[in-house]
C-alpha atoms as a PDB file:
ATOM      1  CA  MET A   1       0.174   0.161   0.136  1.00  0.00           C
ATOM      2  CA  ASN A   2       3.031   2.686   1.005  1.00  0.00           C
ATOM      3  CA  ARG A   3       4.407   1.808  -2.242  1.00  0.00           C
ATOM      4  CA  LEU A   4       1.295   2.577  -4.246  1.00  0.00           C
ATOM      5  CA  LEU A   5       0.901   5.750  -2.557  1.00  0.00           C
ATOM      6  CA  ALA A   6       4.269   6.188  -3.412  1.00  0.00           C
ATOM      7  CA  LEU A   7       4.425   5.917  -7.055  1.00  0.00           C
ATOM      8  CA  GLY A   8       0.801   8.191  -7.135  1.00  0.00           C
ATOM      9  CA  PHE A   9       2.753  10.866  -5.199  1.00  0.00           C
ATOM     10  CA  LEU A  10       5.366  10.774  -7.972  1.00  0.00           C
ATOM     11  CA  LEU A  11       3.281  10.180 -11.082  1.00  0.00           C
ATOM     12  CA  LEU A  12       1.095  13.390  -9.822  1.00  0.00           C
ATOM     13  CA  SER A  13       4.500  15.521  -9.223  1.00  0.00           C
ATOM     14  CA  PHE A  14       5.816  14.844 -12.112  1.00  0.00           C
ATOM     15  CA  TRP A  15       2.204  16.070 -14.347  1.00  0.00           C
ATOM     16  CA  SER A  16       1.767  18.599 -12.499  1.00  0.00           C
ATOM     17  CA  CYS A  17       5.462  20.001 -13.710  1.00  0.00           C
ATOM     18  CA  GLN A  18       4.158  19.541 -17.116  1.00  0.00           C
ATOM     19  CA  PRO A  19       3.555  22.484 -19.380  1.00  0.00           C
ATOM     20  CA  SER A  20       0.038  23.608 -20.367  1.00  0.00           C
ATOM     21  CA  PRO A  21      -0.680  22.523 -23.859  1.00  0.00           C
ATOM     22  CA  GLN A  22      -0.951  25.501 -26.160  1.00  0.00           C
ATOM     23  CA  ALA A  23      -3.329  26.125 -29.200  1.00  0.00           C
ATOM     24  CA  PRO A  24      -1.887  25.823 -32.406  1.00  0.00           C
ATOM     25  CA  GLY A  25      -0.225  28.467 -33.739  1.00  0.00           C
ATOM     26  CA  GLY A  26       0.654  30.235 -30.266  1.00  0.00           C
ATOM     27  CA  ASP A  27       3.779  31.642 -30.874  1.00  0.00           C
ATOM     28  CA  SER A  28       1.970  34.085 -33.859  1.00  0.00           C
ATOM     29  CA  PRO A  29       1.029  37.584 -32.834  1.00  0.00           C
ATOM     30  CA  ALA A  30      -2.104  37.972 -31.162  1.00  0.00           C
ATOM     31  CA  PRO A  31      -5.044  39.998 -32.743  1.00  0.00           C
ATOM     32  CA  VAL A  32      -6.092  43.217 -31.466  1.00  0.00           C
ATOM     33  CA  ALA A  33      -8.257  42.891 -28.279  1.00  0.00           C
ATOM     34  CA  GLU A  34     -11.745  44.351 -29.116  1.00  0.00           C
ATOM     35  CA  GLU A  35     -11.056  47.551 -26.462  1.00  0.00           C
ATOM     36  CA  GLN A  36      -8.093  48.008 -28.736  1.00  0.00           C
ATOM     37  CA  LEU A  37      -9.427  48.212 -31.657  1.00  0.00           C
ATOM     38  CA  TRP A  38      -9.756  51.794 -31.518  1.00  0.00           C
ATOM     39  CA  VAL A  39      -6.716  52.967 -30.296  1.00  0.00           C
ATOM     40  CA  ALA A  40      -4.131  54.868 -32.684  1.00  0.00           C
ATOM     41  CA  ASP A  41      -1.528  53.646 -31.703  1.00  0.00           C
ATOM     42  CA  GLN A  42      -2.801  49.951 -32.230  1.00  0.00           C
ATOM     43  CA  LEU A  43      -3.699  50.542 -36.009  1.00  0.00           C
ATOM     44  CA  LEU A  44      -0.663  52.947 -37.223  1.00  0.00           C
ATOM     45  CA  ALA A  45       1.129  49.623 -36.195  1.00  0.00           C
ATOM     46  CA  ASP A  46      -1.010  47.356 -38.652  1.00  0.00           C
ATOM     47  CA  VAL A  47       0.467  48.786 -41.973  1.00  0.00           C
ATOM     48  CA  PRO A  48      -1.983  48.091 -44.848  1.00  0.00           C
ATOM     49  CA  ALA A  49      -0.990  45.108 -47.299  1.00  0.00           C
ATOM     50  CA  GLY A  50      -0.792  43.802 -50.608  1.00  0.00           C
ATOM     51  CA  ARG A  51       1.574  45.180 -52.495  1.00  0.00           C
ATOM     52  CA  ALA A  52       5.982  44.899 -52.465  1.00  0.00           C
ATOM     53  CA  GLY A  53       6.794  48.536 -51.418  1.00  0.00           C
ATOM     54  CA  GLN A  54       9.576  50.151 -49.528  1.00  0.00           C
ATOM     55  CA  LEU A  55       8.243  50.822 -45.786  1.00  0.00           C
ATOM     56  CA  VAL A  56       9.560  53.993 -44.710  1.00  0.00           C
ATOM     57  CA  ARG A  57       8.850  55.426 -41.159  1.00  0.00           C
ATOM     58  CA  HIS A  58       9.119  59.456 -40.646  1.00  0.00           C
ATOM     59  CA  GLN A  59       8.586  61.093 -37.370  1.00  0.00           C
ATOM     60  CA  PHE A  60       4.848  61.906 -38.375  1.00  0.00           C
ATOM     61  CA  TYR A  61       3.894  59.686 -40.988  1.00  0.00           C
ATOM     62  CA  GLN A  62       5.007  56.209 -43.069  1.00  0.00           C
ATOM     63  CA  LEU A  63       4.798  54.942 -46.129  1.00  0.00           C
ATOM     64  CA  SER A  64       5.048  51.899 -48.490  1.00  0.00           C
ATOM     65  CA  TYR A  65       6.876  53.391 -51.582  1.00  0.00           C
ATOM     66  CA  ARG A  66       6.978  51.840 -55.574  1.00  0.00           C
ATOM     67  CA  LEU A  67      10.322  52.360 -57.286  1.00  0.00           C
ATOM     68  CA  ASP A  68       8.695  50.912 -60.120  1.00  0.00           C
ATOM     69  CA  ALA A  69       6.187  53.653 -60.101  1.00  0.00           C
ATOM     70  CA  LYS A  70       8.027  56.199 -58.128  1.00  0.00           C
ATOM     71  CA  ASN A  71       5.161  56.782 -56.255  1.00  0.00           C
ATOM     72  CA  ALA A  72       3.875  55.319 -52.944  1.00  0.00           C
ATOM     73  CA  ASP A  73       1.319  53.027 -52.460  1.00  0.00           C
ATOM     74  CA  TRP A  74       0.062  54.962 -49.205  1.00  0.00           C
ATOM     75  CA  VAL A  75       0.783  57.261 -46.812  1.00  0.00           C
ATOM     76  CA  MET A  76      -0.795  56.598 -43.157  1.00  0.00           C
ATOM     77  CA  TYR A  77      -0.872  59.708 -40.275  1.00  0.00           C
ATOM     78  CA  ARG A  78      -2.609  60.749 -37.693  1.00  0.00           C
ATOM     79  CA  ILE A  79      -4.580  64.708 -37.256  1.00  0.00           C
ATOM     80  CA  ASP A  80      -6.254  65.654 -34.375  1.00  0.00           C
ATOM     81  CA  SER A  81      -8.208  68.853 -33.152  1.00  0.00           C
ATOM     82  CA  GLN A  82      -4.659  69.981 -31.227  1.00  0.00           C
ATOM     83  CA  SER A  83      -2.765  69.980 -34.590  1.00  0.00           C
ATOM     84  CA  VAL A  84      -5.194  71.302 -36.730  1.00  0.00           C
ATOM     85  CA  VAL A  85      -5.760  74.290 -34.063  1.00  0.00           C
ATOM     86  CA  ASP A  86      -1.871  74.748 -33.735  1.00  0.00           C
ATOM     87  CA  ASP A  87      -0.038  76.643 -36.702  1.00  0.00           C
ATOM     88  CA  ARG A  88       3.074  77.296 -35.760  1.00  0.00           C
ATOM     89  CA  ALA A  89       4.978  76.254 -39.270  1.00  0.00           C
ATOM     90  CA  PRO A  90       5.042  78.435 -42.465  1.00  0.00           C
ATOM     91  CA  ARG A  91       4.911  76.326 -45.412  1.00  0.00           C
ATOM     92  CA  ARG A  92       7.645  75.755 -47.255  1.00  0.00           C
ATOM     93  CA  SER A  93       8.688  77.068 -50.861  1.00  0.00           C
ATOM     94  CA  GLY A  94       9.721  74.054 -52.206  1.00  0.00           C
ATOM     95  CA  PHE A  95      10.240  69.861 -52.025  1.00  0.00           C
ATOM     96  CA  ILE A  96      13.186  68.061 -50.738  1.00  0.00           C
ATOM     97  CA  GLN A  97      14.253  64.316 -51.475  1.00  0.00           C
ATOM     98  CA  ASP A  98      13.291  61.956 -49.100  1.00  0.00           C
ATOM     99  CA  PRO A  99      16.354  61.264 -46.448  1.00  0.00           C
ATOM    100  CA  GLU A 100      15.513  57.614 -46.290  1.00  0.00           C
ATOM    101  CA  LEU A 101      14.917  57.250 -50.222  1.00  0.00           C
ATOM    102  CA  GLY A 102      17.246  59.436 -51.919  1.00  0.00           C
ATOM    103  CA  ARG A 103      17.110  59.984 -55.396  1.00  0.00           C
ATOM    104  CA  GLN A 104      15.222  56.418 -56.180  1.00  0.00           C
ATOM    105  CA  THR A 105      12.044  58.714 -55.471  1.00  0.00           C
ATOM    106  CA  ALA A 106      11.248  61.263 -58.686  1.00  0.00           C
ATOM    107  CA  SER A 107      12.693  64.557 -58.421  1.00  0.00           C
ATOM    108  CA  ASP A 108      11.516  68.272 -58.571  1.00  0.00           C
ATOM    109  CA  ALA A 109      13.166  68.863 -62.125  1.00  0.00           C
ATOM    110  CA  ASP A 110      11.065  65.630 -63.368  1.00  0.00           C
ATOM    111  CA  TYR A 111       7.312  67.430 -62.715  1.00  0.00           C
ATOM    112  CA  ARG A 112       8.529  70.480 -63.944  1.00  0.00           C
ATOM    113  CA  GLY A 113       6.615  70.999 -67.651  1.00  0.00           C
ATOM    114  CA  SER A 114       4.862  67.854 -67.534  1.00  0.00           C
ATOM    115  CA  GLY A 115       1.661  69.758 -66.746  1.00  0.00           C
ATOM    116  CA  PHE A 116       0.841  67.775 -63.373  1.00  0.00           C
ATOM    117  CA  ASP A 117       1.085  69.216 -59.697  1.00  0.00           C
ATOM    118  CA  ARG A 118       2.896  67.611 -57.536  1.00  0.00           C
ATOM    119  CA  GLY A 119       0.068  66.500 -55.783  1.00  0.00           C
ATOM    120  CA  HIS A 120       0.849  66.181 -51.658  1.00  0.00           C
ATOM    121  CA  LEU A 121      -0.330  62.868 -49.949  1.00  0.00           C
ATOM    122  CA  VAL A 122      -0.112  63.806 -46.637  1.00  0.00           C
ATOM    123  CA  PRO A 123      -1.612  67.366 -47.306  1.00  0.00           C
ATOM    124  CA  ALA A 124       0.916  70.166 -45.751  1.00  0.00           C
ATOM    125  CA  GLU A 125      -1.496  71.992 -44.079  1.00  0.00           C
ATOM    126  CA  ASP A 126      -2.303  68.826 -41.856  1.00  0.00           C
ATOM    127  CA  MET A 127       1.404  69.430 -40.908  1.00  0.00           C
ATOM    128  CA  ASP A 128       1.803  72.926 -39.966  1.00  0.00           C
ATOM    129  CA  PHE A 129       1.312  72.010 -36.296  1.00  0.00           C
ATOM    130  CA  ASP A 130       5.505  71.503 -35.854  1.00  0.00           C
ATOM    131  CA  PRO A 131       8.312  72.316 -38.302  1.00  0.00           C
ATOM    132  CA  LYS A 132       9.828  68.679 -38.977  1.00  0.00           C
ATOM    133  CA  ALA A 133       6.039  67.705 -39.789  1.00  0.00           C
ATOM    134  CA  MET A 134       6.036  70.553 -42.476  1.00  0.00           C
ATOM    135  CA  ASP A 135       9.508  69.534 -44.016  1.00  0.00           C
ATOM    136  CA  GLU A 136       8.175  65.791 -44.261  1.00  0.00           C
ATOM    137  CA  SER A 137       5.331  66.773 -45.770  1.00  0.00           C
ATOM    138  CA  PHE A 138       7.300  68.609 -48.508  1.00  0.00           C
ATOM    139  CA  TYR A 139       9.608  65.049 -49.145  1.00  0.00           C
ATOM    140  CA  LEU A 140       9.470  63.899 -52.503  1.00  0.00           C
ATOM    141  CA  SER A 141       8.136  60.768 -52.082  1.00  0.00           C
ATOM    142  CA  ASN A 142       5.042  62.190 -50.545  1.00  0.00           C
ATOM    143  CA  VAL A 143       3.597  63.489 -53.683  1.00  0.00           C
ATOM    144  CA  SER A 144       2.191  62.026 -57.128  1.00  0.00           C
ATOM    145  CA  PRO A 145       1.431  63.397 -60.240  1.00  0.00           C
ATOM    146  CA  GLN A 146      -1.757  65.123 -60.404  1.00  0.00           C
ATOM    147  CA  ASP A 147      -4.097  67.077 -62.634  1.00  0.00           C
ATOM    148  CA  PRO A 148      -4.174  70.471 -61.779  1.00  0.00           C
ATOM    149  CA  SER A 149      -7.860  70.905 -61.577  1.00  0.00           C
ATOM    150  CA  PHE A 150      -8.190  67.656 -59.359  1.00  0.00           C
ATOM    151  CA  ASN A 151      -5.306  68.878 -57.333  1.00  0.00           C
ATOM    152  CA  ARG A 152      -7.024  72.121 -56.627  1.00  0.00           C
ATOM    153  CA  GLY A 153     -10.079  71.535 -56.875  1.00  0.00           C
ATOM    154  CA  ILE A 154     -12.107  68.483 -55.655  1.00  0.00           C
ATOM    155  CA  TRP A 155      -8.937  67.002 -53.398  1.00  0.00           C
ATOM    156  CA  LYS A 156      -8.184  70.323 -52.095  1.00  0.00           C
ATOM    157  CA  LYS A 157     -12.180  70.127 -51.350  1.00  0.00           C
ATOM    158  CA  LEU A 158     -12.066  66.862 -49.453  1.00  0.00           C
ATOM    159  CA  GLU A 159      -8.485  67.372 -47.857  1.00  0.00           C
ATOM    160  CA  GLY A 160     -10.224  70.447 -45.830  1.00  0.00           C
ATOM    161  CA  ASP A 161     -13.415  68.643 -44.844  1.00  0.00           C
ATOM    162  CA  LEU A 162     -11.164  65.988 -43.329  1.00  0.00           C
ATOM    163  CA  ARG A 163      -9.512  68.684 -41.111  1.00  0.00           C
ATOM    164  CA  ASP A 164     -12.722  69.970 -40.307  1.00  0.00           C
ATOM    165  CA  TRP A 165     -13.794  66.626 -38.928  1.00  0.00           C
ATOM    166  CA  ALA A 166     -10.765  66.156 -37.062  1.00  0.00           C
ATOM    167  CA  LEU A 167     -11.814  69.333 -35.382  1.00  0.00           C
ATOM    168  CA  GLU A 168     -14.963  68.022 -34.370  1.00  0.00           C
ATOM    169  CA  LYS A 169     -14.403  64.582 -33.761  1.00  0.00           C
ATOM    170  CA  GLY A 170     -11.021  65.225 -32.053  1.00  0.00           C
ATOM    171  CA  ASP A 171      -8.999  62.458 -33.725  1.00  0.00           C
ATOM    172  CA  LEU A 172      -8.637  60.547 -36.593  1.00  0.00           C
ATOM    173  CA  LEU A 173      -6.222  57.908 -38.533  1.00  0.00           C
ATOM    174  CA  VAL A 174      -5.602  58.788 -42.809  1.00  0.00           C
ATOM    175  CA  ILE A 175      -4.316  56.525 -44.896  1.00  0.00           C
ATOM    176  CA  THR A 176      -4.316  57.848 -48.219  1.00  0.00           C
ATOM    177  CA  GLY A 177      -2.509  57.077 -52.076  1.00  0.00           C
ATOM    178  CA  PRO A 178      -2.717  56.898 -55.726  1.00  0.00           C
ATOM    179  CA  VAL A 179      -4.594  53.613 -56.816  1.00  0.00           C
ATOM    180  CA  LEU A 180      -1.506  51.910 -58.386  1.00  0.00           C
ATOM    181  CA  PRO A 181      -2.113  48.947 -60.374  1.00  0.00           C
ATOM    182  CA  ALA A 182      -0.036  45.446 -59.152  1.00  0.00           C
ATOM    183  CA  GLN A 183       1.807  45.020 -62.574  1.00  0.00           C
ATOM    184  CA  LEU A 184       2.088  48.732 -64.628  1.00  0.00           C
ATOM    185  CA  PRO A 185       0.986  48.415 -68.255  1.00  0.00           C
ATOM    186  CA  ALA A 186       3.469  49.253 -70.924  1.00  0.00           C
ATOM    187  CA  ASP A 187       1.133  52.271 -71.903  1.00  0.00           C
ATOM    188  CA  ALA A 188       0.534  52.991 -69.068  1.00  0.00           C
ATOM    189  CA  PRO A 189       1.133  57.127 -68.631  1.00  0.00           C
ATOM    190  CA  LYS A 190       3.806  58.194 -67.168  1.00  0.00           C
ATOM    191  CA  ILE A 191       5.951  61.198 -66.878  1.00  0.00           C
ATOM    192  CA  ALA A 192      10.126  61.965 -67.128  1.00  0.00           C
ATOM    193  CA  GLY A 193       9.601  58.646 -68.739  1.00  0.00           C
ATOM    194  CA  ASP A 194       9.443  56.442 -64.904  1.00  0.00           C
ATOM    195  CA  ILE A 195       6.586  58.270 -62.776  1.00  0.00           C
ATOM    196  CA  LEU A 196       3.468  57.058 -63.038  1.00  0.00           C
ATOM    197  CA  VAL A 197       0.379  59.275 -63.438  1.00  0.00           C
ATOM    198  CA  PRO A 198      -2.210  57.655 -61.323  1.00  0.00           C
ATOM    199  CA  SER A 199      -5.445  57.021 -62.753  1.00  0.00           C
ATOM    200  CA  ALA A 200      -7.089  57.729 -59.352  1.00  0.00           C
ATOM    201  CA  PHE A 201      -6.410  58.720 -55.897  1.00  0.00           C
ATOM    202  CA  TYR A 202      -8.100  57.634 -52.305  1.00  0.00           C
ATOM    203  CA  LYS A 203      -8.460  58.188 -48.976  1.00  0.00           C
ATOM    204  CA  VAL A 204      -9.535  55.920 -45.624  1.00  0.00           C
ATOM    205  CA  ILE A 205     -10.363  57.980 -42.629  1.00  0.00           C
ATOM    206  CA  VAL A 206     -11.300  56.180 -38.869  1.00  0.00           C
ATOM    207  CA  ASP A 207     -12.634  58.468 -36.291  1.00  0.00           C
ATOM    208  CA  LEU A 208     -10.765  57.198 -33.782  1.00  0.00           C
ATOM    209  CA  LYS A 209     -13.180  58.739 -30.658  1.00  0.00           C
ATOM    210  CA  GLY A 210     -16.677  58.057 -32.016  1.00  0.00           C
ATOM    211  CA  ARG A 211     -15.340  54.470 -33.863  1.00  0.00           C
ATOM    212  CA  LYS A 212     -16.846  55.503 -37.509  1.00  0.00           C
ATOM    213  CA  SER A 213     -15.043  55.012 -40.419  1.00  0.00           C
ATOM    214  CA  ILE A 214     -15.421  56.103 -44.761  1.00  0.00           C
ATOM    215  CA  ALA A 215     -13.039  55.983 -47.443  1.00  0.00           C
ATOM    216  CA  PHE A 216     -13.254  58.192 -50.685  1.00  0.00           C
ATOM    217  CA  LEU A 217     -11.965  56.950 -53.976  1.00  0.00           C
ATOM    218  CA  LEU A 218     -11.475  59.611 -56.784  1.00  0.00           C
ATOM    219  CA  ALA A 219     -10.908  59.901 -60.484  1.00  0.00           C
ATOM    220  CA  ASN A 220      -7.849  62.133 -61.071  1.00  0.00           C
ATOM    221  CA  GLU A 221      -9.809  64.702 -62.972  1.00  0.00           C
ATOM    222  CA  LYS A 222     -12.127  67.852 -62.855  1.00  0.00           C
ATOM    223  CA  SER A 223     -15.018  66.977 -60.634  1.00  0.00           C
ATOM    224  CA  ASP A 224     -17.940  68.942 -59.503  1.00  0.00           C
ATOM    225  CA  ALA A 225     -19.572  66.851 -58.015  1.00  0.00           C
ATOM    226  CA  GLU A 226     -20.275  66.422 -54.253  1.00  0.00           C
ATOM    227  CA  LEU A 227     -17.791  64.701 -52.339  1.00  0.00           C
ATOM    228  CA  GLY A 228     -20.278  62.458 -51.131  1.00  0.00           C
ATOM    229  CA  SER A 229     -20.934  60.259 -54.309  1.00  0.00           C
ATOM    230  CA  PHE A 230     -17.279  59.070 -54.080  1.00  0.00           C
ATOM    231  CA  ALA A 231     -17.946  57.869 -50.845  1.00  0.00           C
ATOM    232  CA  LEU A 232     -17.039  53.737 -50.009  1.00  0.00           C
ATOM    233  CA  SER A 233     -16.444  51.400 -47.472  1.00  0.00           C
ATOM    234  CA  ILE A 234     -12.856  50.592 -46.536  1.00  0.00           C
ATOM    235  CA  ARG A 235     -13.958  47.379 -47.649  1.00  0.00           C
ATOM    236  CA  GLU A 236     -15.427  48.196 -51.015  1.00  0.00           C
ATOM    237  CA  LEU A 237     -11.935  50.373 -51.700  1.00  0.00           C
ATOM    238  CA  GLU A 238     -10.066  47.373 -50.816  1.00  0.00           C
ATOM    239  CA  SER A 239     -11.642  45.149 -53.709  1.00  0.00           C
ATOM    240  CA  LYS A 240     -10.843  48.463 -55.886  1.00  0.00           C
ATOM    241  CA  THR A 241      -7.155  49.172 -54.720  1.00  0.00           C
ATOM    242  CA  GLY A 242      -5.825  45.310 -53.869  1.00  0.00           C
ATOM    243  CA  LEU A 243      -4.713  46.486 -50.434  1.00  0.00           C
ATOM    244  CA  ASN A 244      -5.755  45.198 -47.157  1.00  0.00           C
ATOM    245  CA  PHE A 245      -5.779  48.316 -44.775  1.00  0.00           C
ATOM    246  CA  PHE A 246      -6.037  46.441 -41.641  1.00  0.00           C
ATOM    247  CA  PRO A 247      -4.057  43.339 -41.788  1.00  0.00           C
ATOM    248  CA  LYS A 248      -4.030  42.195 -38.217  1.00  0.00           C
ATOM    249  CA  LEU A 249      -7.482  42.634 -37.357  1.00  0.00           C
ATOM    250  CA  SER A 250      -9.592  39.531 -37.209  1.00  0.00           C
ATOM    251  CA  VAL A 251     -12.698  38.746 -39.427  1.00  0.00           C
ATOM    252  CA  GLN A 252     -15.178  40.590 -36.829  1.00  0.00           C
ATOM    253  CA  GLN A 253     -12.868  43.688 -36.288  1.00  0.00           C
ATOM    254  CA  ALA A 254     -12.147  44.075 -39.892  1.00  0.00           C
ATOM    255  CA  ASP A 255     -16.191  43.867 -39.996  1.00  0.00           C
ATOM    256  CA  ALA A 256     -17.377  46.388 -37.977  1.00  0.00           C
ATOM    257  CA  LEU A 257     -14.271  48.875 -39.389  1.00  0.00           C
ATOM    258  CA  GLU A 258     -14.295  48.703 -42.808  1.00  0.00           C
ATOM    259  CA  GLN A 259     -18.070  48.239 -43.491  1.00  0.00           C
ATOM    260  CA  GLN A 260     -18.924  51.346 -42.569  1.00  0.00           C
ATOM    261  CA  LYS A 261     -20.496  54.007 -45.368  1.00  0.00           C
ATOM    262  CA  GLU A 262     -23.179  56.097 -43.231  1.00  0.00           C
ATOM    263  CA  LEU A 263     -22.346  59.359 -44.757  1.00  0.00           C
ATOM    264  CA  ALA A 264     -24.339  61.012 -41.872  1.00  0.00           C
ATOM    265  CA  ASN A 265     -21.773  60.073 -39.580  1.00  0.00           C
ATOM    266  CA  TRP A 266     -19.732  63.225 -41.617  1.00  0.00           C
ATOM    267  CA  PHE A 267     -22.083  65.238 -43.899  1.00  0.00           C
ATOM    268  CA  LYS A 268     -24.062  67.419 -42.214  1.00  0.00           C
ATOM    269  CA  ASP A 269     -27.050  68.275 -43.969  1.00  0.00           C
END
């Protein structure tokens, strides 16, 4: 009997020392927790996927740059009400090379005489709260060829509305960029020989406090239409761009964030 009790005690001790079984894939990163879904730092760390661009992180925004198209696939940044109110940095007078990419981007001279504007992706007006932020907004990695009537018209209107929404809602996450094909057609329109002229541009806007989202897709051309007519859900935009804007989200979280398209959350009657 004593021997049996001793054996039982040894077996119990052995099993109690074994590590607990783990679910398959336990070493993979955990998905964003539900309560953290609308936290800026979490979403800023969840960079878009779907293209083989060169990831560049600056102090005030990050981007993925396509060397084959001499355009950014996307640019991602945050804008809040305080940054809109603060106006400490004068606008720069000229564009400069991105220090992380150097001469791999388009040059300022490439745009001269092209008939296209150096269209900001992160607008300079969104970055005028800080001199360094203003300088970063004039990196040539942050511009794309835009039709002048588009850049100075409906695109500028959308940029202004976005700042108004930042003032009203308090804290926005923004992803913006040109629509680039996965493979560049041989006859794709270009300037200076190798800078693709995008056919359209997009914006993804996430209201972090109100837990709302919306996206816009606009052709690179003059338009007098209402901005609301260009609105779509993030999910719909993903199908048109081939990008997965928030790849770390679970299916349920992605549905909650990406399927919204309520114009009443953004436009007043």
